[in-house]
Amino acid sequence: MRNTAPFVRRRMSMTPLIDVIFLLLLFFMLSSTFSSFGEIELSQATGGGTGSDAPSERVFVQLGAERLVLNGTPVTLEDLAAQIETGLVLVSLDADATAQRVVDLLVRLRGRDGLTVTVLE
């Protein structure tokens, strides 16, 4: 016997599709990892005269994407942290310096008593 009834197409419901999309969204949100970024305190530079609490030793650091120069001498990031103890560190950025490279430098130099870091524009 052949079914002679005409084929009736039912309207498609969007509810299961929306449920699947929400489940996928929930899955990807819960399975992804969020990296935590270190906080670096930046202070605004101010103009004015030098005070009596000005650091006696000043060093000049030039930072680029591939180069790091301390007072005219090329150094590595690890050596730089060992060579600078106290004083004022002036950091000059090259045009190709990345934000990550600046953060790496500031993380190496943070938390030291008597050390002031100023990033020049």
PDB file of N, CA and C in Angstrom:
ATOM      1  N   MET A   1       0.807  -1.168   0.000  1.00  0.00           N
ATOM      2  CA  MET A   1       0.000   0.000   0.000  1.00  0.00           C
ATOM      3  C   MET A   1       0.859   1.244   0.000  1.00  0.00           C
ATOM      4  N   ARG A   2       0.461   2.067  -0.769  1.00  0.00           N
ATOM      5  CA  ARG A   2       1.164   3.312  -0.911  1.00  0.00           C
ATOM      6  C   ARG A   2       0.475   4.405  -0.115  1.00  0.00           C
ATOM      7  N   ASN A   3       1.275   5.250   0.520  1.00  0.00           N
ATOM      8  CA  ASN A   3       0.705   6.365   1.285  1.00  0.00           C
ATOM      9  C   ASN A   3       0.360   7.471   0.309  1.00  0.00           C
ATOM     10  N   THR A   4      -0.867   7.736   0.160  1.00  0.00           N
ATOM     11  CA  THR A   4      -1.308   8.738  -0.801  1.00  0.00           C
ATOM     12  C   THR A   4      -1.539  10.105  -0.170  1.00  0.00           C
ATOM     13  N   ALA A   5      -1.282  10.232   1.112  1.00  0.00           N
ATOM     14  CA  ALA A   5      -1.470  11.516   1.784  1.00  0.00           C
ATOM     15  C   ALA A   5      -0.364  12.476   1.335  1.00  0.00           C
ATOM     16  N   PRO A   6      -0.707  13.719   1.081  1.00  0.00           N
ATOM     17  CA  PRO A   6       0.318  14.680   0.648  1.00  0.00           C
ATOM     18  C   PRO A   6       1.276  14.989   1.805  1.00  0.00           C
ATOM     19  N   PHE A   7       2.518  15.250   1.424  1.00  0.00           N
ATOM     20  CA  PHE A   7       3.553  15.578   2.424  1.00  0.00           C
ATOM     21  C   PHE A   7       3.339  17.005   2.898  1.00  0.00           C
ATOM     22  N   VAL A   8       3.212  17.141   4.194  1.00  0.00           N
ATOM     23  CA  VAL A   8       2.988  18.469   4.780  1.00  0.00           C
ATOM     24  C   VAL A   8       4.252  18.857   5.532  1.00  0.00           C
ATOM     25  N   ARG A   9       4.823  19.939   5.137  1.00  0.00           N
ATOM     26  CA  ARG A   9       6.045  20.406   5.800  1.00  0.00           C
ATOM     27  C   ARG A   9       5.653  21.258   6.999  1.00  0.00           C
ATOM     28  N   ARG A  10       6.187  20.836   8.181  1.00  0.00           N
ATOM     29  CA  ARG A  10       5.895  21.582   9.387  1.00  0.00           C
ATOM     30  C   ARG A  10       6.877  22.729   9.539  1.00  0.00           C
ATOM     31  N   ARG A  11       6.454  23.728  10.216  1.00  0.00           N
ATOM     32  CA  ARG A  11       7.301  24.882  10.466  1.00  0.00           C
ATOM     33  C   ARG A  11       8.397  24.486  11.451  1.00  0.00           C
ATOM     34  N   MET A  12       9.628  24.899  11.170  1.00  0.00           N
ATOM     35  CA  MET A  12      10.764  24.528  12.000  1.00  0.00           C
ATOM     36  C   MET A  12      10.802  25.390  13.261  1.00  0.00           C
ATOM     37  N   SER A  13      11.001  24.753  14.390  1.00  0.00           N
ATOM     38  CA  SER A  13      11.064  25.466  15.658  1.00  0.00           C
ATOM     39  C   SER A  13      12.501  25.907  15.912  1.00  0.00           C
ATOM     40  N   MET A  14      12.693  27.144  16.376  1.00  0.00           N
ATOM     41  CA  MET A  14      14.031  27.688  16.644  1.00  0.00           C
ATOM     42  C   MET A  14      14.481  27.430  18.081  1.00  0.00           C
ATOM     43  N   THR A  15      13.616  26.930  18.923  1.00  0.00           N
ATOM     44  CA  THR A  15      13.948  26.726  20.326  1.00  0.00           C
ATOM     45  C   THR A  15      15.108  25.753  20.524  1.00  0.00           C
ATOM     46  N   PRO A  16      15.155  24.587  19.874  1.00  0.00           N
ATOM     47  CA  PRO A  16      16.302  23.699  20.077  1.00  0.00           C
ATOM     48  C   PRO A  16      17.619  24.305  19.591  1.00  0.00           C
ATOM     49  N   LEU A  17      17.570  25.099  18.515  1.00  0.00           N
ATOM     50  CA  LEU A  17      18.780  25.734  18.021  1.00  0.00           C
ATOM     51  C   LEU A  17      19.320  26.744  19.035  1.00  0.00           C
ATOM     52  N   ILE A  18      18.452  27.510  19.625  1.00  0.00           N
ATOM     53  CA  ILE A  18      18.872  28.484  20.636  1.00  0.00           C
ATOM     54  C   ILE A  18      19.418  27.763  21.865  1.00  0.00           C
ATOM     55  N   ASP A  19      18.817  26.664  22.257  1.00  0.00           N
ATOM     56  CA  ASP A  19      19.327  25.891  23.393  1.00  0.00           C
ATOM     57  C   ASP A  19      20.732  25.377  23.116  1.00  0.00           C
ATOM     58  N   VAL A  20      20.965  24.891  21.910  1.00  0.00           N
ATOM     59  CA  VAL A  20      22.296  24.381  21.549  1.00  0.00           C
ATOM     60  C   VAL A  20      23.319  25.511  21.556  1.00  0.00           C
ATOM     61  N   ILE A  21      22.947  26.665  21.074  1.00  0.00           N
ATOM     62  CA  ILE A  21      23.878  27.800  21.058  1.00  0.00           C
ATOM     63  C   ILE A  21      24.238  28.223  22.484  1.00  0.00           C
ATOM     64  N   PHE A  22      23.273  28.272  23.372  1.00  0.00           N
ATOM     65  CA  PHE A  22      23.570  28.621  24.768  1.00  0.00           C
ATOM     66  C   PHE A  22      24.435  27.562  25.441  1.00  0.00           C
ATOM     67  N   LEU A  23      24.212  26.294  25.145  1.00  0.00           N
ATOM     68  CA  LEU A  23      25.055  25.242  25.713  1.00  0.00           C
ATOM     69  C   LEU A  23      26.483  25.344  25.202  1.00  0.00           C
ATOM     70  N   LEU A  24      26.652  25.631  23.911  1.00  0.00           N
ATOM     71  CA  LEU A  24      28.007  25.814  23.375  1.00  0.00           C
ATOM     72  C   LEU A  24      28.690  27.031  23.985  1.00  0.00           C
ATOM     73  N   LEU A  25      27.951  28.100  24.136  1.00  0.00           N
ATOM     74  CA  LEU A  25      28.512  29.297  24.761  1.00  0.00           C
ATOM     75  C   LEU A  25      28.952  29.017  26.192  1.00  0.00           C
ATOM     76  N   LEU A  26      28.125  28.323  26.927  1.00  0.00           N
ATOM     77  CA  LEU A  26      28.460  27.959  28.307  1.00  0.00           C
ATOM     78  C   LEU A  26      29.678  27.048  28.355  1.00  0.00           C
ATOM     79  N   PHE A  27      29.738  26.093  27.457  1.00  0.00           N
ATOM     80  CA  PHE A  27      30.876  25.167  27.420  1.00  0.00           C
ATOM     81  C   PHE A  27      32.174  25.917  27.152  1.00  0.00           C
ATOM     82  N   PHE A  28      32.198  26.785  26.151  1.00  0.00           N
ATOM     83  CA  PHE A  28      33.430  27.496  25.811  1.00  0.00           C
ATOM     84  C   PHE A  28      33.816  28.507  26.883  1.00  0.00           C
ATOM     85  N   MET A  29      32.859  29.111  27.545  1.00  0.00           N
ATOM     86  CA  MET A  29      33.196  30.042  28.626  1.00  0.00           C
ATOM     87  C   MET A  29      33.805  29.316  29.814  1.00  0.00           C
ATOM     88  N   LEU A  30      33.293  28.139  30.146  1.00  0.00           N
ATOM     89  CA  LEU A  30      33.803  27.414  31.304  1.00  0.00           C
ATOM     90  C   LEU A  30      35.102  26.676  31.014  1.00  0.00           C
ATOM     91  N   SER A  31      35.335  26.311  29.766  1.00  0.00           N
ATOM     92  CA  SER A  31      36.537  25.542  29.452  1.00  0.00           C
ATOM     93  C   SER A  31      37.721  26.427  29.079  1.00  0.00           C
ATOM     94  N   SER A  32      37.499  27.706  28.834  1.00  0.00           N
ATOM     95  CA  SER A  32      38.615  28.570  28.466  1.00  0.00           C
ATOM     96  C   SER A  32      39.369  29.017  29.713  1.00  0.00           C
ATOM     97  N   THR A  33      40.623  29.379  29.508  1.00  0.00           N
ATOM     98  CA  THR A  33      41.443  29.877  30.612  1.00  0.00           C
ATOM     99  C   THR A  33      41.642  31.368  30.423  1.00  0.00           C
ATOM    100  N   PHE A  34      41.624  32.064  31.520  1.00  0.00           N
ATOM    101  CA  PHE A  34      41.835  33.496  31.490  1.00  0.00           C
ATOM    102  C   PHE A  34      43.185  33.766  32.130  1.00  0.00           C
ATOM    103  N   SER A  35      44.062  34.425  31.371  1.00  0.00           N
ATOM    104  CA  SER A  35      45.382  34.722  31.918  1.00  0.00           C
ATOM    105  C   SER A  35      45.284  35.929  32.840  1.00  0.00           C
ATOM    106  N   SER A  36      46.043  35.867  33.895  1.00  0.00           N
ATOM    107  CA  SER A  36      46.045  36.985  34.834  1.00  0.00           C
ATOM    108  C   SER A  36      47.264  37.854  34.529  1.00  0.00           C
ATOM    109  N   PHE A  37      47.056  39.121  34.540  1.00  0.00           N
ATOM    110  CA  PHE A  37      48.114  40.059  34.216  1.00  0.00           C
ATOM    111  C   PHE A  37      48.639  40.691  35.494  1.00  0.00           C
ATOM    112  N   GLY A  38      49.942  40.875  35.548  1.00  0.00           N
ATOM    113  CA  GLY A  38      50.542  41.525  36.706  1.00  0.00           C
ATOM    114  C   GLY A  38      50.236  43.008  36.709  1.00  0.00           C
ATOM    115  N   GLU A  39      50.053  43.542  37.863  1.00  0.00           N
ATOM    116  CA  GLU A  39      49.763  44.965  37.982  1.00  0.00           C
ATOM    117  C   GLU A  39      51.060  45.727  38.171  1.00  0.00           C
ATOM    118  N   ILE A  40      51.173  46.802  37.457  1.00  0.00           N
ATOM    119  CA  ILE A  40      52.339  47.675  37.576  1.00  0.00           C
ATOM    120  C   ILE A  40      51.826  49.067  37.877  1.00  0.00           C
ATOM    121  N   GLU A  41      52.305  49.636  38.949  1.00  0.00           N
ATOM    122  CA  GLU A  41      51.863  50.968  39.339  1.00  0.00           C
ATOM    123  C   GLU A  41      52.633  52.005  38.539  1.00  0.00           C
ATOM    124  N   LEU A  42      51.907  52.862  37.866  1.00  0.00           N
ATOM    125  CA  LEU A  42      52.511  53.936  37.090  1.00  0.00           C
ATOM    126  C   LEU A  42      52.152  55.255  37.746  1.00  0.00           C
ATOM    127  N   SER A  43      53.149  56.089  37.914  1.00  0.00           N
ATOM    128  CA  SER A  43      52.879  57.401  38.484  1.00  0.00           C
ATOM    129  C   SER A  43      53.112  58.451  37.415  1.00  0.00           C
ATOM    130  N   GLN A  44      52.391  59.520  37.503  1.00  0.00           N
ATOM    131  CA  GLN A  44      52.473  60.571  36.517  1.00  0.00           C
ATOM    132  C   GLN A  44      53.688  61.442  36.814  1.00  0.00           C
ATOM    133  N   ALA A  45      54.458  61.731  35.777  1.00  0.00           N
ATOM    134  CA  ALA A  45      55.633  62.576  35.945  1.00  0.00           C
ATOM    135  C   ALA A  45      55.196  64.016  36.150  1.00  0.00           C
ATOM    136  N   THR A  46      55.878  64.707  37.049  1.00  0.00           N
ATOM    137  CA  THR A  46      55.553  66.103  37.319  1.00  0.00           C
ATOM    138  C   THR A  46      56.785  66.953  37.075  1.00  0.00           C
ATOM    139  N   GLY A  47      56.569  68.156  36.665  1.00  0.00           N
ATOM    140  CA  GLY A  47      57.671  69.085  36.456  1.00  0.00           C
ATOM    141  C   GLY A  47      57.960  69.846  37.728  1.00  0.00           C
ATOM    142  N   GLY A  48      59.120  70.441  37.776  1.00  0.00           N
ATOM    143  CA  GLY A  48      59.461  71.235  38.944  1.00  0.00           C
ATOM    144  C   GLY A  48      60.933  71.071  39.281  1.00  0.00           C
ATOM    145  N   GLY A  49      61.328  71.720  40.325  1.00  0.00           N
ATOM    146  CA  GLY A  49      62.713  71.665  40.755  1.00  0.00           C
ATOM    147  C   GLY A  49      63.025  70.356  41.455  1.00  0.00           C
ATOM    148  N   THR A  50      64.310  70.094  41.594  1.00  0.00           N
ATOM    149  CA  THR A  50      64.719  68.879  42.268  1.00  0.00           C
ATOM    150  C   THR A  50      64.660  69.101  43.772  1.00  0.00           C
ATOM    151  N   GLY A  51      64.226  68.089  44.466  1.00  0.00           N
ATOM    152  CA  GLY A  51      64.138  68.179  45.918  1.00  0.00           C
ATOM    153  C   GLY A  51      65.351  67.559  46.571  1.00  0.00           C
ATOM    154  N   SER A  52      65.356  67.564  47.874  1.00  0.00           N
ATOM    155  CA  SER A  52      66.489  66.993  48.592  1.00  0.00           C
ATOM    156  C   SER A  52      66.456  65.468  48.581  1.00  0.00           C
ATOM    157  N   ASP A  53      65.280  64.881  48.254  1.00  0.00           N
ATOM    158  CA  ASP A  53      65.184  63.432  48.235  1.00  0.00           C
ATOM    159  C   ASP A  53      65.456  62.853  46.847  1.00  0.00           C
ATOM    160  N   ALA A  54      66.071  63.637  45.961  1.00  0.00           N
ATOM    161  CA  ALA A  54      66.386  63.155  44.610  1.00  0.00           C
ATOM    162  C   ALA A  54      67.462  62.081  44.700  1.00  0.00           C
ATOM    163  N   PRO A  55      67.322  60.997  43.934  1.00  0.00           N
ATOM    164  CA  PRO A  55      68.323  59.939  43.966  1.00  0.00           C
ATOM    165  C   PRO A  55      69.667  60.438  43.457  1.00  0.00           C
ATOM    166  N   SER A  56      70.728  59.960  44.069  1.00  0.00           N
ATOM    167  CA  SER A  56      72.058  60.424  43.709  1.00  0.00           C
ATOM    168  C   SER A  56      72.557  59.749  42.430  1.00  0.00           C
ATOM    169  N   GLU A  57      72.216  58.503  42.214  1.00  0.00           N
ATOM    170  CA  GLU A  57      72.695  57.768  41.044  1.00  0.00           C
ATOM    171  C   GLU A  57      71.603  57.726  39.981  1.00  0.00           C
ATOM    172  N   ARG A  58      71.979  58.067  38.750  1.00  0.00           N
ATOM    173  CA  ARG A  58      71.024  58.031  37.639  1.00  0.00           C
ATOM    174  C   ARG A  58      71.589  57.144  36.547  1.00  0.00           C
ATOM    175  N   VAL A  59      70.727  56.282  36.030  1.00  0.00           N
ATOM    176  CA  VAL A  59      71.122  55.423  34.911  1.00  0.00           C
ATOM    177  C   VAL A  59      70.133  55.636  33.779  1.00  0.00           C
ATOM    178  N   PHE A  60      70.621  55.445  32.559  1.00  0.00           N
ATOM    179  CA  PHE A  60      69.818  55.651  31.368  1.00  0.00           C
ATOM    180  C   PHE A  60      69.691  54.323  30.630  1.00  0.00           C
ATOM    181  N   VAL A  61      68.451  53.912  30.390  1.00  0.00           N
ATOM    182  CA  VAL A  61      68.173  52.642  29.722  1.00  0.00           C
ATOM    183  C   VAL A  61      67.456  52.937  28.416  1.00  0.00           C
ATOM    184  N   GLN A  62      67.961  52.375  27.327  1.00  0.00           N
ATOM    185  CA  GLN A  62      67.297  52.464  26.029  1.00  0.00           C
ATOM    186  C   GLN A  62      66.690  51.091  25.739  1.00  0.00           C
ATOM    187  N   LEU A  63      65.390  51.068  25.461  1.00  0.00           N
ATOM    188  CA  LEU A  63      64.674  49.819  25.272  1.00  0.00           C
ATOM    189  C   LEU A  63      64.073  49.765  23.876  1.00  0.00           C
ATOM    190  N   GLY A  64      64.402  48.699  23.178  1.00  0.00           N
ATOM    191  CA  GLY A  64      63.833  48.444  21.851  1.00  0.00           C
ATOM    192  C   GLY A  64      63.265  47.050  21.798  1.00  0.00           C
ATOM    193  N   ALA A  65      62.797  46.649  20.631  1.00  0.00           N
ATOM    194  CA  ALA A  65      62.212  45.317  20.489  1.00  0.00           C
ATOM    195  C   ALA A  65      63.268  44.238  20.683  1.00  0.00           C
ATOM    196  N   GLU A  66      64.475  44.492  20.215  1.00  0.00           N
ATOM    197  CA  GLU A  66      65.539  43.491  20.316  1.00  0.00           C
ATOM    198  C   GLU A  66      66.748  43.979  21.100  1.00  0.00           C
ATOM    199  N   ARG A  67      66.774  45.222  21.502  1.00  0.00           N
ATOM    200  CA  ARG A  67      67.965  45.730  22.186  1.00  0.00           C
ATOM    201  C   ARG A  67      67.616  46.335  23.534  1.00  0.00           C
ATOM    202  N   LEU A  68      68.585  46.244  24.427  1.00  0.00           N
ATOM    203  CA  LEU A  68      68.491  46.828  25.757  1.00  0.00           C
ATOM    204  C   LEU A  68      69.871  47.371  26.094  1.00  0.00           C
ATOM    205  N   VAL A  69      69.957  48.677  26.266  1.00  0.00           N
ATOM    206  CA  VAL A  69      71.246  49.336  26.465  1.00  0.00           C
ATOM    207  C   VAL A  69      71.201  50.076  27.790  1.00  0.00           C
ATOM    208  N   LEU A  70      72.191  49.807  28.653  1.00  0.00           N
ATOM    209  CA  LEU A  70      72.317  50.473  29.952  1.00  0.00           C
ATOM    210  C   LEU A  70      73.534  51.375  29.912  1.00  0.00           C
ATOM    211  N   ASN A  71      73.311  52.695  29.927  1.00  0.00           N
ATOM    212  CA  ASN A  71      74.388  53.692  29.872  1.00  0.00           C
ATOM    213  C   ASN A  71      75.354  53.437  28.720  1.00  0.00           C
ATOM    214  N   GLY A  72      74.800  53.080  27.557  1.00  0.00           N
ATOM    215  CA  GLY A  72      75.614  52.880  26.360  1.00  0.00           C
ATOM    216  C   GLY A  72      76.167  51.485  26.193  1.00  0.00           C
ATOM    217  N   THR A  73      75.934  50.582  27.126  1.00  0.00           N
ATOM    218  CA  THR A  73      76.448  49.222  27.064  1.00  0.00           C
ATOM    219  C   THR A  73      75.295  48.245  26.883  1.00  0.00           C
ATOM    220  N   PRO A  74      75.334  47.411  25.851  1.00  0.00           N
ATOM    221  CA  PRO A  74      74.255  46.424  25.671  1.00  0.00           C
ATOM    222  C   PRO A  74      74.257  45.402  26.821  1.00  0.00           C
ATOM    223  N   VAL A  75      73.076  45.128  27.348  1.00  0.00           N
ATOM    224  CA  VAL A  75      72.911  44.168  28.441  1.00  0.00           C
ATOM    225  C   VAL A  75      71.669  43.329  28.167  1.00  0.00           C
ATOM    226  N   THR A  76      71.540  42.249  28.924  1.00  0.00           N
ATOM    227  CA  THR A  76      70.321  41.448  28.873  1.00  0.00           C
ATOM    228  C   THR A  76      69.397  41.894  30.003  1.00  0.00           C
ATOM    229  N   LEU A  77      68.180  41.432  29.957  1.00  0.00           N
ATOM    230  CA  LEU A  77      67.197  41.822  30.972  1.00  0.00           C
ATOM    231  C   LEU A  77      67.595  41.312  32.354  1.00  0.00           C
ATOM    232  N   GLU A  78      68.158  40.116  32.418  1.00  0.00           N
ATOM    233  CA  GLU A  78      68.583  39.554  33.700  1.00  0.00           C
ATOM    234  C   GLU A  78      69.771  40.329  34.273  1.00  0.00           C
ATOM    235  N   ASP A  79      70.735  40.692  33.406  1.00  0.00           N
ATOM    236  CA  ASP A  79      71.903  41.447  33.860  1.00  0.00           C
ATOM    237  C   ASP A  79      71.513  42.857  34.312  1.00  0.00           C
ATOM    238  N   LEU A  80      70.537  43.442  33.649  1.00  0.00           N
ATOM    239  CA  LEU A  80      70.107  44.784  34.008  1.00  0.00           C
ATOM    240  C   LEU A  80      69.565  44.825  35.430  1.00  0.00           C
ATOM    241  N   ALA A  81      68.747  43.844  35.772  1.00  0.00           N
ATOM    242  CA  ALA A  81      68.175  43.805  37.122  1.00  0.00           C
ATOM    243  C   ALA A  81      69.260  43.631  38.176  1.00  0.00           C
ATOM    244  N   ALA A  82      70.331  42.937  37.845  1.00  0.00           N
ATOM    245  CA  ALA A  82      71.418  42.725  38.800  1.00  0.00           C
ATOM    246  C   ALA A  82      72.312  43.954  38.929  1.00  0.00           C
ATOM    247  N   GLN A  83      72.429  44.747  37.867  1.00  0.00           N
ATOM    248  CA  GLN A  83      73.347  45.887  37.880  1.00  0.00           C
ATOM    249  C   GLN A  83      72.747  47.135  38.520  1.00  0.00           C
ATOM    250  N   ILE A  84      71.440  47.242  38.541  1.00  0.00           N
ATOM    251  CA  ILE A  84      70.800  48.444  39.089  1.00  0.00           C
ATOM    252  C   ILE A  84      70.311  48.134  40.497  1.00  0.00           C
ATOM    253  N   GLU A  85      70.797  48.860  41.462  1.00  0.00           N
ATOM    254  CA  GLU A  85      70.392  48.655  42.855  1.00  0.00           C
ATOM    255  C   GLU A  85      69.459  49.764  43.332  1.00  0.00           C
ATOM    256  N   THR A  86      69.954  51.005  43.330  1.00  0.00           N
ATOM    257  CA  THR A  86      69.164  52.153  43.784  1.00  0.00           C
ATOM    258  C   THR A  86      69.382  53.299  42.812  1.00  0.00           C
ATOM    259  N   GLY A  87      68.590  54.336  42.978  1.00  0.00           N
ATOM    260  CA  GLY A  87      68.754  55.526  42.152  1.00  0.00           C
ATOM    261  C   GLY A  87      67.563  55.761  41.251  1.00  0.00           C
ATOM    262  N   LEU A  88      67.795  56.551  40.214  1.00  0.00           N
ATOM    263  CA  LEU A  88      66.770  56.916  39.247  1.00  0.00           C
ATOM    264  C   LEU A  88      67.079  56.239  37.925  1.00  0.00           C
ATOM    265  N   VAL A  89      66.109  55.524  37.378  1.00  0.00           N
ATOM    266  CA  VAL A  89      66.262  54.845  36.096  1.00  0.00           C
ATOM    267  C   VAL A  89      65.403  55.580  35.074  1.00  0.00           C
ATOM    268  N   LEU A  90      66.041  56.128  34.050  1.00  0.00           N
ATOM    269  CA  LEU A  90      65.341  56.792  32.963  1.00  0.00           C
ATOM    270  C   LEU A  90      65.264  55.815  31.797  1.00  0.00           C
ATOM    271  N   VAL A  91      64.061  55.483  31.367  1.00  0.00           N
ATOM    272  CA  VAL A  91      63.865  54.505  30.297  1.00  0.00           C
ATOM    273  C   VAL A  91      63.402  55.239  29.051  1.00  0.00           C
ATOM    274  N   SER A  92      64.205  55.137  27.987  1.00  0.00           N
ATOM    275  CA  SER A  92      63.859  55.719  26.700  1.00  0.00           C
ATOM    276  C   SER A  92      63.419  54.594  25.775  1.00  0.00           C
ATOM    277  N   LEU A  93      62.262  54.773  25.142  1.00  0.00           N
ATOM    278  CA  LEU A  93      61.708  53.722  24.289  1.00  0.00           C
ATOM    279  C   LEU A  93      62.017  54.001  22.832  1.00  0.00           C
ATOM    280  N   ASP A  94      62.467  52.960  22.127  1.00  0.00           N
ATOM    281  CA  ASP A  94      62.638  53.057  20.683  1.00  0.00           C
ATOM    282  C   ASP A  94      61.275  52.977  20.016  1.00  0.00           C
ATOM    283  N   ALA A  95      61.237  53.291  18.742  1.00  0.00           N
ATOM    284  CA  ALA A  95      59.967  53.256  18.005  1.00  0.00           C
ATOM    285  C   ALA A  95      59.421  51.839  17.884  1.00  0.00           C
ATOM    286  N   ASP A  96      60.296  50.832  17.922  1.00  0.00           N
ATOM    287  CA  ASP A  96      59.848  49.444  17.758  1.00  0.00           C
ATOM    288  C   ASP A  96      59.642  48.721  19.083  1.00  0.00           C
ATOM    289  N   ALA A  97      59.716  49.428  20.202  1.00  0.00           N
ATOM    290  CA  ALA A  97      59.528  48.793  21.513  1.00  0.00           C
ATOM    291  C   ALA A  97      58.060  48.416  21.696  1.00  0.00           C
ATOM    292  N   THR A  98      57.835  47.184  22.145  1.00  0.00           N
ATOM    293  CA  THR A  98      56.466  46.711  22.352  1.00  0.00           C
ATOM    294  C   THR A  98      56.057  46.941  23.806  1.00  0.00           C
ATOM    295  N   ALA A  99      54.758  46.938  24.029  1.00  0.00           N
ATOM    296  CA  ALA A  99      54.246  47.124  25.385  1.00  0.00           C
ATOM    297  C   ALA A  99      54.669  45.964  26.284  1.00  0.00           C
ATOM    298  N   GLN A 100      54.719  44.754  25.743  1.00  0.00           N
ATOM    299  CA  GLN A 100      55.131  43.594  26.532  1.00  0.00           C
ATOM    300  C   GLN A 100      56.580  43.726  26.987  1.00  0.00           C
ATOM    301  N   ARG A 101      57.416  44.272  26.126  1.00  0.00           N
ATOM    302  CA  ARG A 101      58.834  44.450  26.478  1.00  0.00           C
ATOM    303  C   ARG A 101      58.965  45.474  27.610  1.00  0.00           C
ATOM    304  N   VAL A 102      58.174  46.539  27.572  1.00  0.00           N
ATOM    305  CA  VAL A 102      58.202  47.548  28.633  1.00  0.00           C
ATOM    306  C   VAL A 102      57.722  46.937  29.944  1.00  0.00           C
ATOM    307  N   VAL A 103      56.661  46.148  29.876  1.00  0.00           N
ATOM    308  CA  VAL A 103      56.142  45.499  31.081  1.00  0.00           C
ATOM    309  C   VAL A 103      57.175  44.537  31.664  1.00  0.00           C
ATOM    310  N   ASP A 104      57.867  43.780  30.808  1.00  0.00           N
ATOM    311  CA  ASP A 104      58.916  42.873  31.297  1.00  0.00           C
ATOM    312  C   ASP A 104      60.007  43.635  32.036  1.00  0.00           C
ATOM    313  N   LEU A 105      60.398  44.778  31.503  1.00  0.00           N
ATOM    314  CA  LEU A 105      61.425  45.594  32.158  1.00  0.00           C
ATOM    315  C   LEU A 105      60.924  46.127  33.495  1.00  0.00           C
ATOM    316  N   LEU A 106      59.693  46.654  33.518  1.00  0.00           N
ATOM    317  CA  LEU A 106      59.159  47.216  34.758  1.00  0.00           C
ATOM    318  C   LEU A 106      58.935  46.156  35.827  1.00  0.00           C
ATOM    319  N   VAL A 107      58.583  44.947  35.424  1.00  0.00           N
ATOM    320  CA  VAL A 107      58.403  43.859  36.394  1.00  0.00           C
ATOM    321  C   VAL A 107      59.738  43.494  37.023  1.00  0.00           C
ATOM    322  N   ARG A 108      60.804  43.506  36.225  1.00  0.00           N
ATOM    323  CA  ARG A 108      62.136  43.194  36.768  1.00  0.00           C
ATOM    324  C   ARG A 108      62.605  44.239  37.768  1.00  0.00           C
ATOM    325  N   LEU A 109      62.193  45.490  37.582  1.00  0.00           N
ATOM    326  CA  LEU A 109      62.712  46.568  38.420  1.00  0.00           C
ATOM    327  C   LEU A 109      61.782  46.964  39.563  1.00  0.00           C
ATOM    328  N   ARG A 110      60.593  46.402  39.634  1.00  0.00           N
ATOM    329  CA  ARG A 110      59.640  46.838  40.656  1.00  0.00           C
ATOM    330  C   ARG A 110      59.967  46.254  42.032  1.00  0.00           C
ATOM    331  N   GLY A 111      59.474  46.930  43.043  1.00  0.00           N
ATOM    332  CA  GLY A 111      59.584  46.428  44.402  1.00  0.00           C
ATOM    333  C   GLY A 111      60.922  46.644  45.062  1.00  0.00           C
ATOM    334  N   ARG A 112      61.773  47.460  44.499  1.00  0.00           N
ATOM    335  CA  ARG A 112      63.077  47.707  45.117  1.00  0.00           C
ATOM    336  C   ARG A 112      63.040  49.042  45.844  1.00  0.00           C
ATOM    337  N   ASP A 113      63.534  49.037  47.069  1.00  0.00           N
ATOM    338  CA  ASP A 113      63.586  50.269  47.855  1.00  0.00           C
ATOM    339  C   ASP A 113      64.668  51.180  47.301  1.00  0.00           C
ATOM    340  N   GLY A 114      64.336  52.446  47.175  1.00  0.00           N
ATOM    341  CA  GLY A 114      65.302  53.429  46.711  1.00  0.00           C
ATOM    342  C   GLY A 114      65.466  53.458  45.210  1.00  0.00           C
ATOM    343  N   LEU A 115      64.616  52.778  44.468  1.00  0.00           N
ATOM    344  CA  LEU A 115      64.716  52.757  43.007  1.00  0.00           C
ATOM    345  C   LEU A 115      63.471  53.421  42.421  1.00  0.00           C
ATOM    346  N   THR A 116      63.712  54.432  41.588  1.00  0.00           N
ATOM    347  CA  THR A 116      62.621  55.136  40.920  1.00  0.00           C
ATOM    348  C   THR A 116      62.778  54.952  39.421  1.00  0.00           C
ATOM    349  N   VAL A 117      61.710  54.507  38.766  1.00  0.00           N
ATOM    350  CA  VAL A 117      61.736  54.276  37.321  1.00  0.00           C
ATOM    351  C   VAL A 117      60.852  55.300  36.638  1.00  0.00           C
ATOM    352  N   THR A 118      61.407  55.997  35.629  1.00  0.00           N
ATOM    353  CA  THR A 118      60.658  56.960  34.845  1.00  0.00           C
ATOM    354  C   THR A 118      60.759  56.582  33.376  1.00  0.00           C
ATOM    355  N   VAL A 119      59.597  56.402  32.735  1.00  0.00           N
ATOM    356  CA  VAL A 119      59.559  56.065  31.317  1.00  0.00           C
ATOM    357  C   VAL A 119      59.369  57.356  30.545  1.00  0.00           C
ATOM    358  N   LEU A 120      60.324  57.654  29.664  1.00  0.00           N
ATOM    359  CA  LEU A 120      60.285  58.885  28.882  1.00  0.00           C
ATOM    360  C   LEU A 120      59.471  58.660  27.610  1.00  0.00           C
ATOM    361  N   GLU A 121      58.868  59.706  27.121  1.00  0.00           N
ATOM    362  CA  GLU A 121      58.099  59.607  25.868  1.00  0.00           C
ATOM    363  C   GLU A 121      59.010  59.830  24.689  1.00  0.00           C
TER     364      GLU A 121
END
